[in-house]
Amino acid sequence: MSGNVGNYIKYLRTSRNMTQEELGSIIGVKKAAVQKWESGMVQNLKRDTIKKLADYFEVTNEYMQNCLDFYFNKYGNTFFEEV
């Protein structure tokens, strides 16, 4: 895994052998949204989306946020919505 937050989301998705469409359906977004996350095209990821991802991947919100923050801090990917 390298690069950015999108790579981390892709890692989680592919570790479950899921398509982008399947993850989008579970999270409540279209396949195009997942594609944008993974390609780094999205500048903000909503906190409720982070919660849905955490719930699906069976980790705490804090864990998911910390993992995403790690990639944000390490690689400078501005991926979070200010609340």
C-alpha atoms as a PDB file:
ATOM      1  CA  MET A   1       0.000   0.000   0.000  1.00  0.00           C
ATOM      2  CA  SER A   2       1.339   3.397  -0.876  1.00  0.00           C
ATOM      3  CA  GLY A   3       0.422   6.889  -1.772  1.00  0.00           C
ATOM      4  CA  ASN A   4      -2.794   8.151  -0.298  1.00  0.00           C
ATOM      5  CA  VAL A   5      -6.046   7.618   1.501  1.00  0.00           C
ATOM      6  CA  GLY A   6      -7.621   6.248  -1.654  1.00  0.00           C
ATOM      7  CA  ASN A   7      -5.080   3.442  -1.661  1.00  0.00           C
ATOM      8  CA  TYR A   8      -6.051   2.575   1.918  1.00  0.00           C
ATOM      9  CA  ILE A   9      -9.747   2.415   1.008  1.00  0.00           C
ATOM     10  CA  LYS A  10      -8.893   0.310  -2.030  1.00  0.00           C
ATOM     11  CA  TYR A  11      -6.795  -2.004   0.155  1.00  0.00           C
ATOM     12  CA  LEU A  12      -9.714  -2.523   2.545  1.00  0.00           C
ATOM     13  CA  ARG A  13     -12.122  -3.148  -0.335  1.00  0.00           C
ATOM     14  CA  THR A  14      -9.897  -5.559  -2.229  1.00  0.00           C
ATOM     15  CA  SER A  15      -8.972  -7.434   0.949  1.00  0.00           C
ATOM     16  CA  ARG A  16     -12.635  -8.462   1.014  1.00  0.00           C
ATOM     17  CA  ASN A  17     -12.655  -9.284  -2.708  1.00  0.00           C
ATOM     18  CA  MET A  18     -15.269  -6.604  -3.337  1.00  0.00           C
ATOM     19  CA  THR A  19     -15.929  -4.550  -6.413  1.00  0.00           C
ATOM     20  CA  GLN A  20     -16.277  -0.784  -6.230  1.00  0.00           C
ATOM     21  CA  GLU A  21     -19.938  -1.228  -7.054  1.00  0.00           C
ATOM     22  CA  GLU A  22     -20.462  -3.633  -4.141  1.00  0.00           C
ATOM     23  CA  LEU A  23     -18.785  -1.309  -1.641  1.00  0.00           C
ATOM     24  CA  GLY A  24     -20.742   1.650  -2.963  1.00  0.00           C
ATOM     25  CA  SER A  25     -24.000  -0.241  -2.582  1.00  0.00           C
ATOM     26  CA  ILE A  26     -23.190  -1.106   1.030  1.00  0.00           C
ATOM     27  CA  ILE A  27     -22.072   2.438   1.896  1.00  0.00           C
ATOM     28  CA  GLY A  28     -24.926   4.059  -0.026  1.00  0.00           C
ATOM     29  CA  VAL A  29     -22.996   5.729  -2.833  1.00  0.00           C
ATOM     30  CA  LYS A  30     -22.516   5.062  -6.507  1.00  0.00           C
ATOM     31  CA  LYS A  31     -19.568   3.184  -7.958  1.00  0.00           C
ATOM     32  CA  ALA A  32     -18.291   6.494  -9.338  1.00  0.00           C
ATOM     33  CA  ALA A  33     -17.890   7.850  -5.791  1.00  0.00           C
ATOM     34  CA  VAL A  34     -15.752   4.885  -4.770  1.00  0.00           C
ATOM     35  CA  GLN A  35     -13.693   5.317  -7.948  1.00  0.00           C
ATOM     36  CA  LYS A  36     -13.116   8.977  -7.058  1.00  0.00           C
ATOM     37  CA  TRP A  37     -12.061   8.125  -3.493  1.00  0.00           C
ATOM     38  CA  GLU A  38      -9.604   5.523  -4.694  1.00  0.00           C
ATOM     39  CA  SER A  39      -8.155   7.726  -7.429  1.00  0.00           C
ATOM     40  CA  GLY A  40      -7.688  10.666  -5.055  1.00  0.00           C
ATOM     41  CA  MET A  41     -10.103  12.895  -6.979  1.00  0.00           C
ATOM     42  CA  VAL A  42     -12.231  13.595  -3.907  1.00  0.00           C
ATOM     43  CA  GLN A  43     -11.069  16.467  -1.728  1.00  0.00           C
ATOM     44  CA  ASN A  44     -13.418  15.759   1.197  1.00  0.00           C
ATOM     45  CA  LEU A  45     -14.705  12.554   2.673  1.00  0.00           C
ATOM     46  CA  LYS A  46     -17.727  13.156   4.872  1.00  0.00           C
ATOM     47  CA  ARG A  47     -17.554  11.980   8.442  1.00  0.00           C
ATOM     48  CA  ASP A  48     -20.746   9.942   8.046  1.00  0.00           C
ATOM     49  CA  THR A  49     -19.081   8.140   5.139  1.00  0.00           C
ATOM     50  CA  ILE A  50     -16.077   7.410   7.351  1.00  0.00           C
ATOM     51  CA  LYS A  51     -18.492   5.984   9.924  1.00  0.00           C
ATOM     52  CA  LYS A  52     -20.161   3.765   7.326  1.00  0.00           C
ATOM     53  CA  LEU A  53     -16.781   2.512   6.130  1.00  0.00           C
ATOM     54  CA  ALA A  54     -15.712   1.805   9.718  1.00  0.00           C
ATOM     55  CA  ASP A  55     -18.939  -0.036  10.456  1.00  0.00           C
ATOM     56  CA  TYR A  56     -18.655  -2.167   7.352  1.00  0.00           C
ATOM     57  CA  PHE A  57     -14.987  -3.034   7.850  1.00  0.00           C
ATOM     58  CA  GLU A  58     -15.722  -3.780  11.527  1.00  0.00           C
ATOM     59  CA  VAL A  59     -13.363  -1.242  13.031  1.00  0.00           C
ATOM     60  CA  THR A  60     -14.108   1.666  15.320  1.00  0.00           C
ATOM     61  CA  ASN A  61     -14.673   5.112  13.894  1.00  0.00           C
ATOM     62  CA  GLU A  62     -11.533   6.179  15.742  1.00  0.00           C
ATOM     63  CA  TYR A  63      -9.474   3.451  14.101  1.00  0.00           C
ATOM     64  CA  MET A  64     -10.746   4.331  10.640  1.00  0.00           C
ATOM     65  CA  GLN A  65     -10.220   8.035  11.265  1.00  0.00           C
ATOM     66  CA  ASN A  66      -6.712   7.409  12.630  1.00  0.00           C
ATOM     67  CA  CYS A  67      -5.776   5.301   9.611  1.00  0.00           C
ATOM     68  CA  LEU A  68      -7.117   7.926   7.257  1.00  0.00           C
ATOM     69  CA  ASP A  69      -5.391  10.671   9.290  1.00  0.00           C
ATOM     70  CA  PHE A  70      -2.125   8.735   9.045  1.00  0.00           C
ATOM     71  CA  TYR A  71      -2.309   8.801   5.261  1.00  0.00           C
ATOM     72  CA  PHE A  72      -3.451  12.417   5.296  1.00  0.00           C
ATOM     73  CA  ASN A  73      -0.506  13.471   7.479  1.00  0.00           C
ATOM     74  CA  LYS A  74       2.078  11.304   5.767  1.00  0.00           C
ATOM     75  CA  TYR A  75       1.108  12.051   2.188  1.00  0.00           C
ATOM     76  CA  GLY A  76      -0.677  15.395   2.450  1.00  0.00           C
ATOM     77  CA  ASN A  77      -3.903  14.177   0.888  1.00  0.00           C
ATOM     78  CA  THR A  78      -6.633  16.630   1.861  1.00  0.00           C
ATOM     79  CA  PHE A  79      -9.417  14.142   2.192  1.00  0.00           C
ATOM     80  CA  PHE A  80     -11.488  15.380   5.108  1.00  0.00           C
ATOM     81  CA  GLU A  81     -14.459  17.600   5.456  1.00  0.00           C
ATOM     82  CA  GLU A  82     -14.189  20.178   8.210  1.00  0.00           C
ATOM     83  CA  VAL A  83     -17.109  19.892  10.589  1.00  0.00           C
END
